Amino acid sequence: MEQIREPIRTAVLFTPGEQIKPVWFDWRRRQHRIVRTTYRWQEKQGETLLLHFAVTDGETLYELIYNVQQQQWLLNSREAG
């Protein structure tokens, strides 16, 4: 996987059960529509809760991270298919 570690703008849906579902994200002036979330997990770094999402646009697998405390999204990595 290629490490990116760049902040991104992300559109999400809040589904019943308080789950967050990323719908699309902008990266390098291009919008990537998410067709599927393949896996999600969470971790704590000190007091900070990080929500991880493995998502695909149908061609590439991306890892998005949502920092709950700072309310910021990060494109952590990608792997071309």
PDB file of N, CA and C in Angstrom:
ATOM      1  N   MET A   1       0.826  -1.185   0.000  1.00  0.00           N
ATOM      2  CA  MET A   1       0.000   0.000   0.000  1.00  0.00           C
ATOM      3  C   MET A   1       0.871   1.250   0.000  1.00  0.00           C
ATOM      4  N   GLU A   2       0.455   2.216  -0.762  1.00  0.00           N
ATOM      5  CA  GLU A   2       1.152   3.494  -0.835  1.00  0.00           C
ATOM      6  C   GLU A   2       0.642   4.407   0.286  1.00  0.00           C
ATOM      7  N   GLN A   3       1.539   4.885   1.132  1.00  0.00           N
ATOM      8  CA  GLN A   3       1.168   5.801   2.212  1.00  0.00           C
ATOM      9  C   GLN A   3       0.939   7.199   1.637  1.00  0.00           C
ATOM     10  N   ILE A   4      -0.199   7.809   2.005  1.00  0.00           N
ATOM     11  CA  ILE A   4      -0.554   9.140   1.513  1.00  0.00           C
ATOM     12  C   ILE A   4      -0.500  10.159   2.650  1.00  0.00           C
ATOM     13  N   ARG A   5      -1.300   9.931   3.691  1.00  0.00           N
ATOM     14  CA  ARG A   5      -1.365  10.785   4.888  1.00  0.00           C
ATOM     15  C   ARG A   5      -1.680  12.241   4.558  1.00  0.00           C
ATOM     16  N   GLU A   6      -2.767  12.475   3.782  1.00  0.00           N
ATOM     17  CA  GLU A   6      -3.181  13.831   3.423  1.00  0.00           C
ATOM     18  C   GLU A   6      -4.607  14.087   3.897  1.00  0.00           C
ATOM     19  N   PRO A   7      -4.879  15.304   4.403  1.00  0.00           N
ATOM     20  CA  PRO A   7      -6.254  15.648   4.769  1.00  0.00           C
ATOM     21  C   PRO A   7      -7.136  15.706   3.531  1.00  0.00           C
ATOM     22  N   ILE A   8      -8.383  15.289   3.676  1.00  0.00           N
ATOM     23  CA  ILE A   8      -9.320  15.261   2.556  1.00  0.00           C
ATOM     24  C   ILE A   8     -10.684  15.777   3.009  1.00  0.00           C
ATOM     25  N   ARG A   9     -11.475  16.194   2.031  1.00  0.00           N
ATOM     26  CA  ARG A   9     -12.872  16.547   2.260  1.00  0.00           C
ATOM     27  C   ARG A   9     -13.689  15.305   1.959  1.00  0.00           C
ATOM     28  N   THR A  10     -14.602  14.955   2.876  1.00  0.00           N
ATOM     29  CA  THR A  10     -15.356  13.711   2.756  1.00  0.00           C
ATOM     30  C   THR A  10     -16.832  13.958   3.018  1.00  0.00           C
ATOM     31  N   ALA A  11     -17.692  13.357   2.193  1.00  0.00           N
ATOM     32  CA  ALA A  11     -19.134  13.395   2.424  1.00  0.00           C
ATOM     33  C   ALA A  11     -19.536  12.065   3.062  1.00  0.00           C
ATOM     34  N   VAL A  12     -20.363  12.150   4.095  1.00  0.00           N
ATOM     35  CA  VAL A  12     -20.775  10.939   4.811  1.00  0.00           C
ATOM     36  C   VAL A  12     -22.275  10.943   5.068  1.00  0.00           C
ATOM     37  N   LEU A  13     -22.802   9.752   5.313  1.00  0.00           N
ATOM     38  CA  LEU A  13     -24.172   9.568   5.779  1.00  0.00           C
ATOM     39  C   LEU A  13     -24.090   9.011   7.192  1.00  0.00           C
ATOM     40  N   PHE A  14     -24.979   9.482   8.037  1.00  0.00           N
ATOM     41  CA  PHE A  14     -25.093   8.919   9.377  1.00  0.00           C
ATOM     42  C   PHE A  14     -26.286   7.969   9.339  1.00  0.00           C
ATOM     43  N   THR A  15     -26.017   6.674   9.444  1.00  0.00           N
ATOM     44  CA  THR A  15     -27.050   5.663   9.309  1.00  0.00           C
ATOM     45  C   THR A  15     -27.613   5.294  10.681  1.00  0.00           C
ATOM     46  N   PRO A  16     -28.777   4.635  10.712  1.00  0.00           N
ATOM     47  CA  PRO A  16     -29.321   4.189  11.999  1.00  0.00           C
ATOM     48  C   PRO A  16     -28.290   3.346  12.756  1.00  0.00           C
ATOM     49  N   GLY A  17     -28.290   3.488  14.042  1.00  0.00           N
ATOM     50  CA  GLY A  17     -27.298   2.783  14.853  1.00  0.00           C
ATOM     51  C   GLY A  17     -26.028   3.593  15.012  1.00  0.00           C
ATOM     52  N   GLU A  18     -26.078   4.881  14.627  1.00  0.00           N
ATOM     53  CA  GLU A  18     -24.957   5.807  14.784  1.00  0.00           C
ATOM     54  C   GLU A  18     -23.717   5.408  14.000  1.00  0.00           C
ATOM     55  N   GLN A  19     -23.900   4.738  12.866  1.00  0.00           N
ATOM     56  CA  GLN A  19     -22.761   4.394  12.028  1.00  0.00           C
ATOM     57  C   GLN A  19     -22.513   5.486  10.998  1.00  0.00           C
ATOM     58  N   ILE A  20     -21.246   5.688  10.686  1.00  0.00           N
ATOM     59  CA  ILE A  20     -20.846   6.659   9.671  1.00  0.00           C
ATOM     60  C   ILE A  20     -20.540   5.897   8.391  1.00  0.00           C
ATOM     61  N   LYS A  21     -21.105   6.364   7.272  1.00  0.00           N
ATOM     62  CA  LYS A  21     -20.874   5.724   5.978  1.00  0.00           C
ATOM     63  C   LYS A  21     -20.299   6.757   5.013  1.00  0.00           C
ATOM     64  N   PRO A  22     -18.991   6.681   4.691  1.00  0.00           N
ATOM     65  CA  PRO A  22     -18.422   7.599   3.694  1.00  0.00           C
ATOM     66  C   PRO A  22     -19.059   7.347   2.324  1.00  0.00           C
ATOM     67  N   VAL A  23     -19.376   8.438   1.607  1.00  0.00           N
ATOM     68  CA  VAL A  23     -20.029   8.350   0.300  1.00  0.00           C
ATOM     69  C   VAL A  23     -19.058   8.739  -0.818  1.00  0.00           C
ATOM     70  N   TRP A  24     -18.300   9.802  -0.617  1.00  0.00           N
ATOM     71  CA  TRP A  24     -17.267  10.224  -1.566  1.00  0.00           C
ATOM     72  C   TRP A  24     -16.233  11.048  -0.820  1.00  0.00           C
ATOM     73  N   PHE A  25     -15.065  11.206  -1.465  1.00  0.00           N
ATOM     74  CA  PHE A  25     -14.032  12.091  -0.922  1.00  0.00           C
ATOM     75  C   PHE A  25     -13.304  12.774  -2.069  1.00  0.00           C
ATOM     76  N   ASP A  26     -12.805  13.979  -1.790  1.00  0.00           N
ATOM     77  CA  ASP A  26     -12.005  14.735  -2.757  1.00  0.00           C
ATOM     78  C   ASP A  26     -10.540  14.549  -2.416  1.00  0.00           C
ATOM     79  N   TRP A  27      -9.755  14.232  -3.432  1.00  0.00           N
ATOM     80  CA  TRP A  27      -8.312  14.109  -3.248  1.00  0.00           C
ATOM     81  C   TRP A  27      -7.628  14.583  -4.525  1.00  0.00           C
ATOM     82  N   ARG A  28      -6.762  15.551  -4.384  1.00  0.00           N
ATOM     83  CA  ARG A  28      -6.017  16.117  -5.507  1.00  0.00           C
ATOM     84  C   ARG A  28      -6.937  16.565  -6.639  1.00  0.00           C
ATOM     85  N   ARG A  29      -7.969  17.329  -6.226  1.00  0.00           N
ATOM     86  CA  ARG A  29      -8.926  17.941  -7.163  1.00  0.00           C
ATOM     87  C   ARG A  29      -9.760  16.933  -7.949  1.00  0.00           C
ATOM     88  N   ARG A  30      -9.913  15.737  -7.396  1.00  0.00           N
ATOM     89  CA  ARG A  30     -10.739  14.722  -8.051  1.00  0.00           C
ATOM     90  C   ARG A  30     -11.657  14.092  -7.018  1.00  0.00           C
ATOM     91  N   GLN A  31     -12.924  13.948  -7.388  1.00  0.00           N
ATOM     92  CA  GLN A  31     -13.877  13.317  -6.483  1.00  0.00           C
ATOM     93  C   GLN A  31     -13.897  11.809  -6.722  1.00  0.00           C
ATOM     94  N   HIS A  32     -13.769  11.063  -5.637  1.00  0.00           N
ATOM     95  CA  HIS A  32     -13.793   9.599  -5.685  1.00  0.00           C
ATOM     96  C   HIS A  32     -15.083   9.122  -5.025  1.00  0.00           C
ATOM     97  N   ARG A  33     -15.962   8.527  -5.803  1.00  0.00           N
ATOM     98  CA  ARG A  33     -17.219   8.001  -5.265  1.00  0.00           C
ATOM     99  C   ARG A  33     -16.961   6.606  -4.697  1.00  0.00           C
ATOM    100  N   ILE A  34     -17.386   6.415  -3.486  1.00  0.00           N
ATOM    101  CA  ILE A  34     -17.168   5.137  -2.803  1.00  0.00           C
ATOM    102  C   ILE A  34     -18.303   4.191  -3.168  1.00  0.00           C
ATOM    103  N   VAL A  35     -17.940   3.049  -3.735  1.00  0.00           N
ATOM    104  CA  VAL A  35     -18.958   2.069  -4.119  1.00  0.00           C
ATOM    105  C   VAL A  35     -19.154   1.006  -3.038  1.00  0.00           C
ATOM    106  N   ARG A  36     -18.137   0.850  -2.158  1.00  0.00           N
ATOM    107  CA  ARG A  36     -18.267  -0.161  -1.108  1.00  0.00           C
ATOM    108  C   ARG A  36     -17.268   0.104   0.010  1.00  0.00           C
ATOM    109  N   THR A  37     -17.727  -0.090   1.236  1.00  0.00           N
ATOM    110  CA  THR A  37     -16.826  -0.109   2.394  1.00  0.00           C
ATOM    111  C   THR A  37     -16.539  -1.570   2.681  1.00  0.00           C
ATOM    112  N   THR A  38     -15.267  -1.953   2.581  1.00  0.00           N
ATOM    113  CA  THR A  38     -14.925  -3.368   2.727  1.00  0.00           C
ATOM    114  C   THR A  38     -14.625  -3.759   4.173  1.00  0.00           C
ATOM    115  N   TYR A  39     -14.219  -2.798   4.979  1.00  0.00           N
ATOM    116  CA  TYR A  39     -13.883  -3.100   6.376  1.00  0.00           C
ATOM    117  C   TYR A  39     -13.845  -1.798   7.153  1.00  0.00           C
ATOM    118  N   ARG A  40     -14.156  -1.868   8.437  1.00  0.00           N
ATOM    119  CA  ARG A  40     -14.050  -0.706   9.319  1.00  0.00           C
ATOM    120  C   ARG A  40     -13.561  -1.169  10.681  1.00  0.00           C
ATOM    121  N   TRP A  41     -12.769  -0.318  11.323  1.00  0.00           N
ATOM    122  CA  TRP A  41     -12.270  -0.610  12.656  1.00  0.00           C
ATOM    123  C   TRP A  41     -11.953   0.703  13.354  1.00  0.00           C
ATOM    124  N   GLN A  42     -11.696   0.625  14.640  1.00  0.00           N
ATOM    125  CA  GLN A  42     -11.378   1.829  15.392  1.00  0.00           C
ATOM    126  C   GLN A  42     -10.194   1.571  16.311  1.00  0.00           C
ATOM    127  N   GLU A  43      -9.521   2.663  16.662  1.00  0.00           N
ATOM    128  CA  GLU A  43      -8.404   2.584  17.594  1.00  0.00           C
ATOM    129  C   GLU A  43      -8.364   3.859  18.418  1.00  0.00           C
ATOM    130  N   LYS A  44      -7.730   3.778  19.559  1.00  0.00           N
ATOM    131  CA  LYS A  44      -7.546   4.951  20.404  1.00  0.00           C
ATOM    132  C   LYS A  44      -6.069   5.279  20.450  1.00  0.00           C
ATOM    133  N   GLN A  45      -5.762   6.559  20.280  1.00  0.00           N
ATOM    134  CA  GLN A  45      -4.403   7.078  20.470  1.00  0.00           C
ATOM    135  C   GLN A  45      -4.514   8.078  21.603  1.00  0.00           C
ATOM    136  N   GLY A  46      -4.182   7.633  22.802  1.00  0.00           N
ATOM    137  CA  GLY A  46      -4.403   8.463  23.978  1.00  0.00           C
ATOM    138  C   GLY A  46      -5.897   8.631  24.173  1.00  0.00           C
ATOM    139  N   GLU A  47      -6.367   9.876  24.201  1.00  0.00           N
ATOM    140  CA  GLU A  47      -7.791  10.173  24.347  1.00  0.00           C
ATOM    141  C   GLU A  47      -8.506  10.287  23.004  1.00  0.00           C
ATOM    142  N   THR A  48      -7.759  10.195  21.902  1.00  0.00           N
ATOM    143  CA  THR A  48      -8.320  10.418  20.567  1.00  0.00           C
ATOM    144  C   THR A  48      -8.841   9.111  19.975  1.00  0.00           C
ATOM    145  N   LEU A  49     -10.092   9.124  19.532  1.00  0.00           N
ATOM    146  CA  LEU A  49     -10.689   7.980  18.852  1.00  0.00           C
ATOM    147  C   LEU A  49     -10.539   8.170  17.350  1.00  0.00           C
ATOM    148  N   LEU A  50      -9.959   7.182  16.682  1.00  0.00           N
ATOM    149  CA  LEU A  50      -9.784   7.194  15.227  1.00  0.00           C
ATOM    150  C   LEU A  50     -10.641   6.082  14.627  1.00  0.00           C
ATOM    151  N   LEU A  51     -11.472   6.440  13.651  1.00  0.00           N
ATOM    152  CA  LEU A  51     -12.295   5.475  12.938  1.00  0.00           C
ATOM    153  C   LEU A  51     -11.656   5.228  11.578  1.00  0.00           C
ATOM    154  N   HIS A  52     -11.353   3.985  11.275  1.00  0.00           N
ATOM    155  CA  HIS A  52     -10.707   3.600  10.017  1.00  0.00           C
ATOM    156  C   HIS A  52     -11.750   2.975   9.087  1.00  0.00           C
ATOM    157  N   PHE A  53     -11.641   3.300   7.808  1.00  0.00           N
ATOM    158  CA  PHE A  53     -12.541   2.758   6.790  1.00  0.00           C
ATOM    159  C   PHE A  53     -11.715   2.301   5.596  1.00  0.00           C
ATOM    160  N   ALA A  54     -11.829   1.035   5.227  1.00  0.00           N
ATOM    161  CA  ALA A  54     -11.252   0.536   3.981  1.00  0.00           C
ATOM    162  C   ALA A  54     -12.371   0.629   2.949  1.00  0.00           C
ATOM    163  N   VAL A  55     -12.164   1.453   1.918  1.00  0.00           N
ATOM    164  CA  VAL A  55     -13.210   1.719   0.928  1.00  0.00           C
ATOM    165  C   VAL A  55     -12.641   1.556  -0.480  1.00  0.00           C
ATOM    166  N   THR A  56     -13.539   1.350  -1.441  1.00  0.00           N
ATOM    167  CA  THR A  56     -13.117   1.249  -2.834  1.00  0.00           C
ATOM    168  C   THR A  56     -14.025   2.087  -3.720  1.00  0.00           C
ATOM    169  N   ASP A  57     -13.423   2.623  -4.775  1.00  0.00           N
ATOM    170  CA  ASP A  57     -14.187   3.334  -5.805  1.00  0.00           C
ATOM    171  C   ASP A  57     -14.442   2.414  -6.998  1.00  0.00           C
ATOM    172  N   GLY A  58     -14.185   1.135  -6.824  1.00  0.00           N
ATOM    173  CA  GLY A  58     -14.366   0.152  -7.895  1.00  0.00           C
ATOM    174  C   GLY A  58     -13.069  -0.198  -8.588  1.00  0.00           C
ATOM    175  N   GLU A  59     -12.032   0.620  -8.395  1.00  0.00           N
ATOM    176  CA  GLU A  59     -10.735   0.384  -9.020  1.00  0.00           C
ATOM    177  C   GLU A  59      -9.606   0.304  -8.002  1.00  0.00           C
ATOM    178  N   THR A  60      -9.676   1.158  -6.986  1.00  0.00           N
ATOM    179  CA  THR A  60      -8.587   1.303  -6.025  1.00  0.00           C
ATOM    180  C   THR A  60      -9.129   1.149  -4.612  1.00  0.00           C
ATOM    181  N   LEU A  61      -8.336   0.539  -3.738  1.00  0.00           N
ATOM    182  CA  LEU A  61      -8.678   0.406  -2.325  1.00  0.00           C
ATOM    183  C   LEU A  61      -7.998   1.535  -1.560  1.00  0.00           C
ATOM    184  N   TYR A  62      -8.773   2.245  -0.725  1.00  0.00           N
ATOM    185  CA  TYR A  62      -8.261   3.363   0.052  1.00  0.00           C
ATOM    186  C   TYR A  62      -8.510   3.108   1.536  1.00  0.00           C
ATOM    187  N   GLU A  63      -7.653   3.660   2.375  1.00  0.00           N
ATOM    188  CA  GLU A  63      -7.910   3.680   3.812  1.00  0.00           C
ATOM    189  C   GLU A  63      -8.143   5.124   4.231  1.00  0.00           C
ATOM    190  N   LEU A  64      -9.342   5.389   4.737  1.00  0.00           N
ATOM    191  CA  LEU A  64      -9.701   6.707   5.244  1.00  0.00           C
ATOM    192  C   LEU A  64      -9.722   6.639   6.764  1.00  0.00           C
ATOM    193  N   ILE A  65      -9.306   7.720   7.406  1.00  0.00           N
ATOM    194  CA  ILE A  65      -9.330   7.779   8.867  1.00  0.00           C
ATOM    195  C   ILE A  65     -10.094   9.032   9.281  1.00  0.00           C
ATOM    196  N   TYR A  66     -11.037   8.845  10.205  1.00  0.00           N
ATOM    197  CA  TYR A  66     -11.769   9.979  10.766  1.00  0.00           C
ATOM    198  C   TYR A  66     -11.336  10.172  12.209  1.00  0.00           C
ATOM    199  N   ASN A  67     -10.799  11.359  12.508  1.00  0.00           N
ATOM    200  CA  ASN A  67     -10.398  11.726  13.861  1.00  0.00           C
ATOM    201  C   ASN A  67     -11.625  12.335  14.531  1.00  0.00           C
ATOM    202  N   VAL A  68     -12.218  11.604  15.457  1.00  0.00           N
ATOM    203  CA  VAL A  68     -13.467  12.029  16.088  1.00  0.00           C
ATOM    204  C   VAL A  68     -13.271  13.317  16.883  1.00  0.00           C
ATOM    205  N   GLN A  69     -12.178  13.442  17.593  1.00  0.00           N
ATOM    206  CA  GLN A  69     -11.935  14.614  18.423  1.00  0.00           C
ATOM    207  C   GLN A  69     -11.769  15.880  17.584  1.00  0.00           C
ATOM    208  N   GLN A  70     -10.982  15.813  16.520  1.00  0.00           N
ATOM    209  CA  GLN A  70     -10.714  16.976  15.679  1.00  0.00           C
ATOM    210  C   GLN A  70     -11.727  17.129  14.541  1.00  0.00           C
ATOM    211  N   GLN A  71     -12.564  16.105  14.335  1.00  0.00           N
ATOM    212  CA  GLN A  71     -13.549  16.066  13.254  1.00  0.00           C
ATOM    213  C   GLN A  71     -12.886  16.313  11.905  1.00  0.00           C
ATOM    214  N   GLN A  72     -11.815  15.564  11.647  1.00  0.00           N
ATOM    215  CA  GLN A  72     -11.059  15.681  10.402  1.00  0.00           C
ATOM    216  C   GLN A  72     -10.886  14.319   9.749  1.00  0.00           C
ATOM    217  N   TRP A  73     -10.895  14.342   8.412  1.00  0.00           N
ATOM    218  CA  TRP A  73     -10.678  13.130   7.619  1.00  0.00           C
ATOM    219  C   TRP A  73      -9.270  13.149   7.029  1.00  0.00           C
ATOM    220  N   LEU A  74      -8.696  11.951   6.921  1.00  0.00           N
ATOM    221  CA  LEU A  74      -7.349  11.782   6.377  1.00  0.00           C
ATOM    222  C   LEU A  74      -7.364  10.609   5.399  1.00  0.00           C
ATOM    223  N   LEU A  75      -6.776  10.811   4.229  1.00  0.00           N
ATOM    224  CA  LEU A  75      -6.533   9.677   3.314  1.00  0.00           C
ATOM    225  C   LEU A  75      -5.192   9.105   3.744  1.00  0.00           C
ATOM    226  N   ASN A  76      -5.238   7.930   4.357  1.00  0.00           N
ATOM    227  CA  ASN A  76      -4.033   7.334   4.912  1.00  0.00           C
ATOM    228  C   ASN A  76      -3.204   6.602   3.865  1.00  0.00           C
ATOM    229  N   SER A  77      -3.887   5.814   3.020  1.00  0.00           N
ATOM    230  CA  SER A  77      -3.147   5.014   2.034  1.00  0.00           C
ATOM    231  C   SER A  77      -4.078   4.582   0.904  1.00  0.00           C
ATOM    232  N   ARG A  78      -3.461   4.047  -0.147  1.00  0.00           N
ATOM    233  CA  ARG A  78      -4.211   3.496  -1.278  1.00  0.00           C
ATOM    234  C   ARG A  78      -3.439   2.345  -1.876  1.00  0.00           C
ATOM    235  N   GLU A  79      -4.190   1.452  -2.529  1.00  0.00           N
ATOM    236  CA  GLU A  79      -3.601   0.315  -3.228  1.00  0.00           C
ATOM    237  C   GLU A  79      -4.355   0.137  -4.528  1.00  0.00           C
ATOM    238  N   ALA A  80      -3.660   0.357  -5.634  1.00  0.00           N
ATOM    239  CA  ALA A  80      -4.289   0.240  -6.949  1.00  0.00           C
ATOM    240  C   ALA A  80      -4.579  -1.221  -7.245  1.00  0.00           C
ATOM    241  N   GLY A  81      -5.741  -1.440  -7.894  1.00  0.00           N
ATOM    242  CA  GLY A  81      -6.174  -2.800  -8.213  1.00  0.00           C
ATOM    243  C   GLY A  81      -5.572  -3.271  -9.436  1.00  0.00           C
TER     244      GLY A  81
END
